[in-house]
Amino acid sequence: MTRNNLDSCPFCESKDLSLASAFTKRPQGETEFASLKKDEYRRKLLECGDCGHFLSSHDIDLANLYEEDYASSTYGNEQGIFKAYTKVMELPSNQSDNTLRVNRIIDFATDYFSSSQKLEVLDIGSGLCVFLAKIKMLTDWNCTAVEPDERYCNHAKDTVGVEVIPQDYRLVNWDRKFNLITLNKVLEHFLDPIEVLKKCASDLASGGLIYIELPDGKSAAADEIGFEREEFFIDHFHAFTPESVKQLVRLAGLNLLSIECLCEPSSKYTIRAFINKSNSIR
């Protein structure tokens, strides 16, 4: 997965792209992926002059990053995954991005769905699976995870006890529908997030709900650390603005119910949104 020679914004189609920053070495805090050679680290960050969206441009091959390199470089092995999971699960609620995320999703879903409805939940790119673990603790919803890395999958099955589909979500071919589909800090890792959201729409049950969280590039760029922040790290093809999120949802043929910007307890600048189909019936 590489991207270079960008000539227009994929969301608003503006050709007004300018150089926001150029990188010749790994920013402090960015995971040192084993597959990336230090002397080949060259990338640019482009900013759209119309919607403010940020695009990463480089010719570095990230094709196998999420099947193996990401977990290996970040956590080492399955023991490291479990250790990281335990650490996050034990965070006080006011210091946990996941706890606040779960609470707001449950609150929104409680108002949105029938009180007697037992939801079928699909979490795409589940990673450490903390999100679904906390959902299971507080609800009776049926939880399914999609995750391409086998070690994350084993952890989700053995530790969290959820159904796991060990595959890239874009390649999953099934005849299943879900009431709630969640993508927590996931869409920015895809070259074409519009394609992914369209697939979510096809997997959404009638009256269903999609929840997304994305890096807020506008707020991150204004921070004193600026483009060295994790919102702009190499594994992110995109950093969004509220306007580019609106365009993303529109291009996927979906309907934006709510959108909000926040700085999370972890200090991540985040845009969160609830979405449904334009003709959604509840």
Protein backbone atom coordinates (compact mmCIF):
# COMPACT_ATOMS: atom_id res chain seq x y z
CA MET A 1 0.00 0.00 0.00
CA THR A 2 1.68 3.16 -1.20
CA ARG A 3 0.40 6.50 -2.33
CA ASN A 4 2.17 9.23 -4.22
CA ASN A 5 1.54 11.75 -7.01
CA LEU A 6 -1.67 13.03 -5.43
CA ASP A 7 -3.30 15.76 -7.48
CA SER A 8 -6.64 16.26 -5.72
CA CYS A 9 -8.42 15.71 -2.41
CA PRO A 10 -10.34 12.39 -2.44
CA PHE A 11 -13.19 13.93 -0.44
CA CYS A 12 -13.91 17.44 -1.75
CA GLU A 13 -12.00 16.91 -5.05
CA SER A 14 -10.15 20.19 -4.65
CA LYS A 15 -6.82 20.44 -6.46
CA ASP A 16 -5.60 22.98 -3.91
CA LEU A 17 -3.13 20.70 -2.13
CA SER A 18 -0.14 22.23 -0.38
CA LEU A 19 2.80 20.78 1.52
CA ALA A 20 2.07 20.86 5.25
CA SER A 21 5.20 18.97 6.34
CA ALA A 22 7.97 16.72 5.01
CA PHE A 23 9.57 13.87 6.95
CA THR A 24 13.01 12.36 6.42
CA LYS A 25 13.10 10.40 9.68
CA ARG A 26 10.70 8.73 12.06
CA PRO A 27 9.02 11.20 14.46
CA GLN A 28 9.58 10.61 18.17
CA GLY A 29 7.01 8.14 19.47
CA GLU A 30 6.18 6.57 16.13
CA THR A 31 6.47 2.77 16.14
CA GLU A 32 9.72 1.63 14.52
CA PHE A 33 8.32 -0.93 12.12
CA ALA A 34 10.75 -3.71 11.29
CA SER A 35 9.86 -3.66 7.59
CA LEU A 36 10.70 0.05 7.16
CA LYS A 37 14.35 0.80 6.48
CA LYS A 38 15.62 3.95 8.16
CA ASP A 39 17.42 5.20 5.06
CA GLU A 40 14.21 4.91 3.01
CA TYR A 41 12.04 7.00 5.32
CA ARG A 42 10.73 9.77 3.08
CA ARG A 43 7.18 11.02 3.14
CA LYS A 44 5.11 14.18 2.76
CA LEU A 45 1.98 15.45 4.42
CA LEU A 46 -0.35 17.38 2.13
CA GLU A 47 -3.17 19.67 3.24
CA CYS A 48 -6.33 20.41 1.25
CA GLY A 49 -6.95 24.14 0.96
CA ASP A 50 -10.72 23.65 0.79
CA CYS A 51 -11.81 21.03 3.35
CA GLY A 52 -8.56 21.04 5.36
CA HIS A 53 -8.04 17.27 5.05
CA PHE A 54 -4.49 15.92 5.49
CA LEU A 55 -3.10 13.27 3.13
CA SER A 56 0.06 11.22 3.57
CA SER A 57 2.08 10.87 0.36
CA HIS A 58 4.97 8.40 0.02
CA ASP A 59 6.20 5.36 -1.86
CA ILE A 60 6.81 3.21 1.23
CA ASP A 61 5.15 -0.21 0.96
CA LEU A 62 2.87 -0.78 3.96
CA ALA A 63 1.09 -3.81 2.45
CA ASN A 64 1.83 -6.29 5.26
CA LEU A 65 1.75 -3.84 8.13
CA TYR A 66 -1.49 -5.04 9.75
CA GLU A 67 -1.11 -8.76 9.11
CA GLU A 68 2.12 -9.04 11.06
CA ASP A 69 4.44 -6.05 11.42
CA TYR A 70 2.12 -3.77 13.42
CA ALA A 71 1.58 -6.16 16.34
CA SER A 72 5.17 -7.43 16.26
CA SER A 73 6.69 -3.95 16.34
CA THR A 74 4.21 -2.55 18.87
CA TYR A 75 3.69 -5.43 21.34
CA GLY A 76 6.27 -8.07 20.42
CA ASN A 77 4.17 -11.24 20.80
CA GLU A 78 0.89 -12.60 22.22
CA GLN A 79 2.19 -12.16 25.76
CA GLY A 80 2.87 -8.51 24.97
CA ILE A 81 -0.63 -8.14 23.55
CA PHE A 82 -2.16 -9.56 26.73
CA LYS A 83 0.03 -7.31 28.91
CA ALA A 84 -1.03 -4.21 26.96
CA TYR A 85 -4.69 -5.30 27.09
CA THR A 86 -4.54 -5.75 30.87
CA LYS A 87 -2.90 -2.35 31.35
CA VAL A 88 -5.60 -0.56 29.34
CA MET A 89 -8.43 -2.50 31.00
CA GLU A 90 -7.16 -1.42 34.44
CA LEU A 91 -7.07 2.30 33.67
CA PRO A 92 -9.38 4.44 35.83
CA SER A 93 -12.53 5.30 33.91
CA ASN A 94 -11.67 9.00 33.65
CA GLN A 95 -8.29 8.11 32.08
CA SER A 96 -9.61 5.55 29.61
CA ASP A 97 -10.50 6.47 26.03
CA ASN A 98 -12.24 3.12 25.72
CA THR A 99 -14.43 3.53 28.79
CA LEU A 100 -15.68 6.92 27.60
CA ARG A 101 -16.17 5.53 24.08
CA VAL A 102 -18.22 2.59 25.33
CA ASN A 103 -20.35 4.82 27.56
CA ARG A 104 -21.24 7.25 24.77
CA ILE A 105 -22.02 4.42 22.32
CA ILE A 106 -24.28 2.69 24.83
CA ASP A 107 -26.02 5.98 25.66
CA PHE A 108 -26.59 6.81 21.99
CA ALA A 109 -27.71 3.26 21.12
CA THR A 110 -30.11 3.19 24.07
CA ASP A 111 -31.90 6.25 22.67
CA TYR A 112 -31.63 5.11 19.06
CA PHE A 113 -32.77 1.47 19.27
CA SER A 114 -35.75 -0.20 20.85
CA SER A 115 -35.06 -0.88 24.53
CA SER A 116 -35.85 -4.57 24.06
CA GLN A 117 -33.52 -5.05 21.08
CA LYS A 118 -30.46 -7.25 21.56
CA LEU A 119 -27.89 -5.80 19.21
CA GLU A 120 -25.57 -7.60 16.82
CA VAL A 121 -22.31 -5.64 16.98
CA LEU A 122 -19.41 -5.75 14.51
CA ASP A 123 -16.11 -4.10 15.47
CA ILE A 124 -13.72 -3.68 12.54
CA GLY A 125 -10.00 -3.69 13.33
CA SER A 126 -10.47 -4.80 16.93
CA GLY A 127 -6.76 -4.80 17.89
CA LEU A 128 -6.42 -5.37 21.65
CA CYS A 129 -10.22 -5.87 21.78
CA VAL A 130 -10.60 -3.67 24.85
CA PHE A 131 -13.64 -2.01 23.30
CA LEU A 132 -15.61 -5.25 22.88
CA ALA A 133 -14.46 -6.51 26.28
CA LYS A 134 -16.01 -3.46 27.93
CA ILE A 135 -19.16 -3.73 25.76
CA LYS A 136 -19.57 -7.32 26.98
CA MET A 137 -19.20 -6.22 30.59
CA LEU A 138 -22.05 -3.71 30.33
CA THR A 139 -24.51 -5.20 27.81
CA ASP A 140 -25.91 -8.47 26.50
CA TRP A 141 -25.08 -7.56 22.90
CA ASN A 142 -23.64 -10.21 20.57
CA CYS A 143 -20.13 -9.13 19.61
CA THR A 144 -18.09 -10.01 16.51
CA ALA A 145 -14.61 -8.75 15.66
CA VAL A 146 -12.83 -8.54 12.32
CA GLU A 147 -9.04 -8.44 12.57
CA PRO A 148 -6.35 -9.52 10.04
CA ASP A 149 -3.59 -10.38 12.55
CA GLU A 150 -3.84 -13.94 13.86
CA ARG A 151 -2.35 -13.05 17.26
CA TYR A 152 -4.98 -10.38 17.89
CA CYS A 153 -7.60 -12.91 16.81
CA ASN A 154 -6.38 -15.55 19.26
CA HIS A 155 -6.36 -12.95 22.03
CA ALA A 156 -9.91 -11.82 21.21
CA LYS A 157 -11.21 -15.40 21.23
CA ASP A 158 -9.30 -16.71 24.25
CA THR A 159 -9.22 -13.64 26.50
CA VAL A 160 -12.31 -11.65 25.56
CA GLY A 161 -14.47 -14.52 24.34
CA VAL A 162 -15.89 -12.98 21.17
CA GLU A 163 -16.39 -14.35 17.68
CA VAL A 164 -13.51 -13.30 15.44
CA ILE A 165 -13.20 -13.18 11.66
CA PRO A 166 -9.44 -13.42 10.88
CA GLN A 167 -9.39 -11.39 7.68
CA ASP A 168 -9.07 -7.98 6.10
CA TYR A 169 -12.62 -6.63 6.36
CA ARG A 170 -12.63 -5.58 2.70
CA LEU A 171 -12.23 -9.24 1.71
CA VAL A 172 -14.94 -10.67 3.97
CA ASN A 173 -17.73 -12.18 1.89
CA TRP A 174 -20.80 -13.05 3.92
CA ASP A 175 -24.54 -12.69 4.16
CA ARG A 176 -24.79 -11.19 7.63
CA LYS A 177 -26.29 -7.97 8.94
CA PHE A 178 -25.36 -6.01 12.06
CA ASN A 179 -27.28 -3.43 14.07
CA LEU A 180 -24.13 -1.59 15.13
CA ILE A 181 -20.83 -1.39 13.24
CA THR A 182 -17.89 0.36 14.89
CA LEU A 183 -14.59 1.59 13.46
CA ASN A 184 -12.48 3.07 16.23
CA LYS A 185 -9.37 4.76 14.80
CA VAL A 186 -9.48 2.45 11.79
CA LEU A 187 -10.55 4.29 8.62
CA GLU A 188 -7.41 6.45 8.57
CA HIS A 189 -5.37 3.28 7.95
CA PHE A 190 -7.06 2.63 4.60
CA LEU A 191 -6.11 4.28 1.33
CA ASP A 192 -9.80 4.41 0.41
CA PRO A 193 -11.99 4.83 3.52
CA ILE A 194 -14.99 5.58 1.29
CA GLU A 195 -14.83 2.01 -0.03
CA VAL A 196 -14.75 0.63 3.51
CA LEU A 197 -17.74 2.70 4.65
CA LYS A 198 -19.71 1.55 1.60
CA LYS A 199 -19.08 -2.05 2.59
CA CYS A 200 -20.22 -1.23 6.12
CA ALA A 201 -23.45 0.11 4.64
CA SER A 202 -24.00 -3.18 2.83
CA ASP A 203 -23.47 -5.11 6.10
CA LEU A 204 -25.77 -2.84 8.13
CA ALA A 205 -29.17 -4.14 9.18
CA SER A 206 -32.28 -2.07 8.50
CA GLY A 207 -32.33 0.80 10.99
CA GLY A 208 -28.71 0.10 11.91
CA LEU A 209 -26.03 2.46 13.17
CA ILE A 210 -22.36 3.04 12.32
CA TYR A 211 -19.95 4.66 14.76
CA ILE A 212 -16.58 6.02 13.63
CA GLU A 213 -13.64 7.68 15.35
CA LEU A 214 -10.96 9.43 13.31
CA PRO A 215 -7.83 11.49 14.02
CA ASP A 216 -8.64 15.21 14.09
CA GLY A 217 -5.93 16.69 11.89
CA LYS A 218 -7.09 20.28 12.25
CA SER A 219 -6.80 20.28 16.06
CA ALA A 220 -3.60 18.21 16.03
CA ALA A 221 -1.91 20.60 13.58
CA ALA A 222 -2.69 23.52 15.90
CA ASP A 223 -1.09 21.73 18.88
CA GLU A 224 2.40 22.84 19.92
CA ILE A 225 3.84 19.49 18.79
CA GLY A 226 2.00 19.82 15.48
CA PHE A 227 2.84 17.43 12.68
CA GLU A 228 5.08 15.32 14.92
CA ARG A 229 1.96 14.09 16.74
CA GLU A 230 0.65 10.54 16.35
CA GLU A 231 -2.37 11.73 14.37
CA PHE A 232 0.10 12.12 11.49
CA PHE A 233 2.20 8.96 11.97
CA ILE A 234 3.15 6.86 8.96
CA ASP A 235 0.44 4.23 9.43
CA HIS A 236 -2.21 6.91 8.87
CA PHE A 237 -3.01 7.73 5.25
CA HIS A 238 -5.47 10.37 6.46
CA ALA A 239 -6.02 12.94 9.20
CA PHE A 240 -9.52 14.40 9.03
CA THR A 241 -11.41 17.62 9.66
CA PRO A 242 -15.13 17.90 10.41
CA GLU A 243 -15.68 19.03 6.81
CA SER A 244 -13.78 16.09 5.28
CA VAL A 245 -15.72 13.69 7.54
CA LYS A 246 -18.96 15.14 6.22
CA GLN A 247 -17.72 14.61 2.66
CA LEU A 248 -16.61 11.04 3.51
CA VAL A 249 -20.06 10.16 4.81
CA ARG A 250 -21.77 11.76 1.82
CA LEU A 251 -19.58 9.93 -0.71
CA ALA A 252 -20.31 6.62 1.02
CA GLY A 253 -24.03 7.29 0.51
CA LEU A 254 -24.68 7.54 4.23
CA ASN A 255 -26.37 9.99 6.58
CA LEU A 256 -24.54 11.90 9.34
CA LEU A 257 -26.50 11.89 12.61
CA SER A 258 -23.97 13.62 14.86
CA ILE A 259 -20.35 14.75 14.82
CA GLU A 260 -18.11 16.05 17.57
CA CYS A 261 -14.44 16.95 18.13
CA LEU A 262 -12.70 16.21 21.42
CA CYS A 263 -9.35 15.73 23.09
CA GLU A 264 -9.37 12.31 24.74
CA PRO A 265 -7.79 11.36 28.09
CA SER A 266 -4.86 9.89 26.14
CA SER A 267 -4.41 13.39 24.59
CA LYS A 268 -5.48 12.17 21.13
CA TYR A 269 -7.40 14.70 19.09
CA THR A 270 -10.44 12.85 17.79
CA ILE A 271 -13.50 13.32 15.62
CA ARG A 272 -16.37 10.98 16.46
CA ALA A 273 -19.55 10.50 14.49
CA PHE A 274 -22.71 8.42 14.39
CA ILE A 275 -24.02 7.51 10.94
CA ASN A 276 -26.91 5.60 9.39
CA LYS A 277 -28.35 4.95 5.96
CA SER A 278 -30.25 7.85 4.45
CA ASN A 279 -33.37 5.69 4.13
CA SER A 280 -32.85 4.03 7.52
CA ILE A 281 -36.02 2.66 9.13
CA ARG A 282 -36.10 2.00 12.86
